[in-house]
Amino acid sequence: KNNDPAVPVAVNFSSRHFANPGFADEVKRIADLLLVPSSFLEIEITETTLMENWDETIIQTRRLREMGFSVALDDFGTGYSSMGVLQELPVDVIKIDRSFINRDLSEHRNAMFITGIVNIAQVLNLKIICEGAETQEQVDFLRKNGIQFVQGYYYSRPVSETVFKEMLLKSKN
C-alpha cells in the first residue's frame, strides 16, 4: 500500500491447523483476501506437528504447494527426523535447528552432522536455512558448507515493525 518493500514471510502453524481438512483452502482464502501472493508466504511445520497427524499433514502440505505456497520443515533434527520423513514430506525448505550449530563445530563429528544434512538436502533439491547463528565463526562455517540462508542473533535480535521497516528501507538503498 505505502510502497514499502514486499518481503516473503514465514509463518508457523500448529498441528491443530493441519488436522483441519480445510486448512489449505483457508490459508489461500486469507492470502487472496489480503492480496498476498502465495509466493510471499512460507508455511512452516515442525516435526512434532507432522508426527501428530501424518496423513492429514501430508495432504495439506501437498495442497499448499499446489496453491503456490512454500512449505518448510522447521527445527529439523530435533525430533523424529529420518530420511523417510524428508523423502515423503512434500517440503521446499528445511530449517536446521540451532542446536546443531551451538555445538563445538571444531569437533569433526559435530561438523559432519551438518555436512550430512546439507548433502542430503542438496540431493533432494531443498533450500536450507540454518537457525541460531550468533557468531562470525558459525556463519563462516555454515557458508563454507554450502548453507546460503542463515538466521540468528548474529544478524539481528527480534525488532519492532517500525525498526524492521527502517531496516528494509536501508537495505533497499
Protein backbone atom coordinates (compact mmCIF):
# COMPACT_ATOMS: atom_id res chain seq x y z
CA LYS A 1 0.00 0.00 0.00
CA ASN A 2 2.65 2.50 1.02
CA ASN A 3 5.31 1.47 -1.49
CA ASP A 4 7.05 -0.41 1.30
CA PRO A 5 9.28 -3.22 0.07
CA ALA A 6 7.50 -6.56 -0.08
CA VAL A 7 9.32 -9.46 1.54
CA PRO A 8 8.37 -13.11 1.95
CA VAL A 9 7.16 -14.11 5.40
CA ALA A 10 7.36 -17.49 7.11
CA VAL A 11 4.53 -18.44 9.46
CA ASN A 12 4.42 -21.37 11.89
CA PHE A 13 1.20 -23.33 12.17
CA SER A 14 0.22 -25.88 14.80
CA SER A 15 -0.91 -29.47 14.45
CA ARG A 16 -4.48 -28.27 15.10
CA HIS A 17 -4.35 -26.26 11.88
CA PHE A 18 -3.04 -29.17 9.84
CA ALA A 19 -5.66 -31.51 11.32
CA ASN A 20 -8.36 -29.35 9.71
CA PRO A 21 -9.17 -30.76 6.24
CA GLY A 22 -9.97 -27.22 5.03
CA PHE A 23 -6.71 -25.69 6.28
CA ALA A 24 -5.01 -25.19 2.89
CA ASP A 25 -8.15 -23.65 1.40
CA GLU A 26 -8.45 -21.29 4.39
CA VAL A 27 -4.83 -20.13 4.05
CA LYS A 28 -5.41 -19.48 0.33
CA ARG A 29 -8.67 -17.62 1.04
CA ILE A 30 -6.99 -15.33 3.58
CA ALA A 31 -3.97 -14.72 1.36
CA ASP A 32 -6.25 -13.80 -1.56
CA LEU A 33 -8.38 -11.55 0.65
CA LEU A 34 -5.26 -9.67 1.81
CA LEU A 35 -3.77 -9.65 -1.72
CA VAL A 36 -0.71 -11.60 -0.57
CA PRO A 37 0.76 -13.64 -3.42
CA SER A 38 1.25 -17.25 -2.37
CA SER A 39 4.93 -16.96 -3.32
CA PHE A 40 5.35 -14.47 -0.45
CA LEU A 41 4.10 -16.84 2.24
CA GLU A 42 6.08 -19.80 3.55
CA ILE A 43 4.17 -22.25 5.72
CA GLU A 44 6.31 -23.76 8.49
CA ILE A 45 5.59 -27.04 10.22
CA THR A 46 7.56 -28.74 12.94
CA GLU A 47 8.41 -32.41 13.07
CA THR A 48 6.10 -32.75 16.07
CA THR A 49 3.20 -31.37 14.04
CA LEU A 50 3.98 -33.82 11.28
CA MET A 51 4.08 -36.83 13.59
CA GLU A 52 0.86 -35.92 15.41
CA ASN A 53 -1.22 -36.27 12.26
CA TRP A 54 0.96 -37.65 9.48
CA ASP A 55 -1.71 -38.40 6.85
CA GLU A 56 -3.62 -35.11 7.06
CA THR A 57 -0.40 -33.09 7.27
CA ILE A 58 0.88 -34.73 4.07
CA ILE A 59 -2.43 -33.98 2.32
CA GLN A 60 -2.41 -30.35 3.48
CA THR A 61 1.24 -29.73 2.58
CA ARG A 62 0.65 -31.11 -0.91
CA ARG A 63 -2.37 -28.84 -1.35
CA LEU A 64 -0.47 -25.80 -0.10
CA ARG A 65 2.37 -26.44 -2.54
CA GLU A 66 -0.12 -26.92 -5.40
CA MET A 67 -1.51 -23.49 -4.50
CA GLY A 68 1.96 -21.97 -4.82
CA PHE A 69 2.92 -21.70 -1.15
CA SER A 70 6.36 -22.76 0.02
CA VAL A 71 6.42 -25.31 2.85
CA ALA A 72 9.27 -25.54 5.35
CA LEU A 73 10.13 -28.21 7.90
CA ASP A 74 11.15 -26.20 10.95
CA ASP A 75 13.51 -27.29 13.75
CA PHE A 76 14.86 -30.11 11.59
CA GLY A 77 16.89 -32.60 13.56
CA THR A 78 15.29 -32.17 16.96
CA GLY A 79 12.60 -34.78 16.93
CA TYR A 80 11.62 -37.56 14.59
CA SER A 81 13.94 -36.74 11.71
CA SER A 82 14.64 -39.55 9.36
CA MET A 83 15.45 -39.90 5.72
CA GLY A 84 11.95 -41.30 5.26
CA VAL A 85 10.43 -38.05 6.52
CA LEU A 86 12.44 -35.99 4.04
CA GLN A 87 11.68 -38.43 1.25
CA GLU A 88 7.91 -38.47 1.79
CA LEU A 89 7.10 -34.99 3.08
CA PRO A 90 6.41 -32.50 0.28
CA VAL A 91 8.54 -29.59 1.51
CA ASP A 92 10.67 -26.97 -0.20
CA VAL A 93 12.80 -25.91 2.76
CA ILE A 94 14.42 -27.48 5.79
CA LYS A 95 15.40 -25.28 8.69
CA ILE A 96 18.27 -26.86 10.59
CA ASP A 97 17.72 -26.43 14.31
CA ARG A 98 20.03 -24.12 16.23
CA SER A 99 21.14 -26.97 18.49
CA PHE A 100 23.39 -28.25 15.67
CA ILE A 101 25.48 -25.09 15.46
CA ASN A 102 25.55 -24.48 19.19
CA ARG A 103 27.85 -27.49 19.49
CA ASP A 104 31.61 -27.29 19.13
CA LEU A 105 31.92 -27.20 15.35
CA SER A 106 35.67 -27.75 15.53
CA GLU A 107 34.87 -31.33 16.55
CA HIS A 108 34.76 -33.42 13.39
CA ARG A 109 31.70 -35.43 14.43
CA ASN A 110 29.60 -32.31 15.13
CA ALA A 111 30.64 -30.69 11.85
CA MET A 112 29.84 -33.87 9.90
CA PHE A 113 26.22 -33.88 11.09
CA ILE A 114 25.65 -30.51 9.46
CA THR A 115 27.58 -31.54 6.35
CA GLY A 116 25.46 -34.68 6.06
CA ILE A 117 22.18 -32.78 6.38
CA VAL A 118 23.35 -30.29 3.74
CA ASN A 119 24.35 -33.07 1.33
CA ILE A 120 21.01 -34.83 1.66
CA ALA A 121 19.06 -31.58 1.28
CA GLN A 122 21.02 -30.70 -1.86
CA VAL A 123 20.33 -34.11 -3.40
CA LEU A 124 16.62 -33.59 -2.69
CA ASN A 125 16.81 -30.05 -4.11
CA LEU A 126 15.69 -28.46 -0.85
CA LYS A 127 16.50 -24.93 0.26
CA ILE A 128 18.43 -24.97 3.54
CA ILE A 129 18.18 -22.42 6.32
CA CYS A 130 20.22 -22.72 9.49
CA GLU A 131 18.78 -21.18 12.64
CA GLY A 132 20.56 -19.71 15.61
CA ALA A 133 23.78 -18.20 14.24
CA GLU A 134 25.31 -15.98 16.90
CA THR A 135 28.98 -15.66 15.90
CA GLN A 136 31.07 -14.86 12.83
CA GLU A 137 32.73 -18.27 13.16
CA GLN A 138 29.36 -20.04 12.94
CA VAL A 139 28.32 -18.02 9.90
CA ASP A 140 31.67 -18.71 8.20
CA PHE A 141 31.34 -22.44 8.91
CA LEU A 142 27.81 -22.56 7.52
CA ARG A 143 28.68 -20.60 4.38
CA LYS A 144 31.76 -22.78 3.80
CA ASN A 145 29.48 -25.83 3.98
CA GLY A 146 27.01 -24.60 1.38
CA ILE A 147 24.31 -23.03 3.54
CA GLN A 148 23.22 -19.80 1.86
CA PHE A 149 20.49 -18.79 4.27
CA VAL A 150 21.33 -18.22 7.91
CA GLN A 151 19.27 -16.59 10.63
CA GLY A 152 20.03 -15.67 14.19
CA TYR A 153 21.16 -13.02 16.62
CA TYR A 154 24.37 -12.57 14.63
CA TYR A 155 22.25 -10.59 12.16
CA SER A 156 19.58 -9.16 14.43
CA ARG A 157 17.59 -9.75 17.56
CA PRO A 158 13.81 -9.53 17.18
CA VAL A 159 12.74 -5.98 16.36
CA SER A 160 9.51 -3.98 16.24
CA GLU A 161 7.63 -3.45 12.99
CA THR A 162 8.88 0.13 12.81
CA VAL A 163 12.52 -0.87 13.17
CA PHE A 164 12.05 -3.71 10.68
CA LYS A 165 10.63 -1.30 8.09
CA GLU A 166 13.62 1.00 8.63
CA MET A 167 15.96 -1.94 8.11
CA LEU A 168 14.19 -2.87 4.88
CA LEU A 169 14.37 0.67 3.56
CA LYS A 170 18.10 0.86 4.33
CA SER A 171 18.73 -2.46 2.56
CA LYS A 172 16.78 -1.23 -0.46
CA ASN A 173 19.07 1.78 -0.89
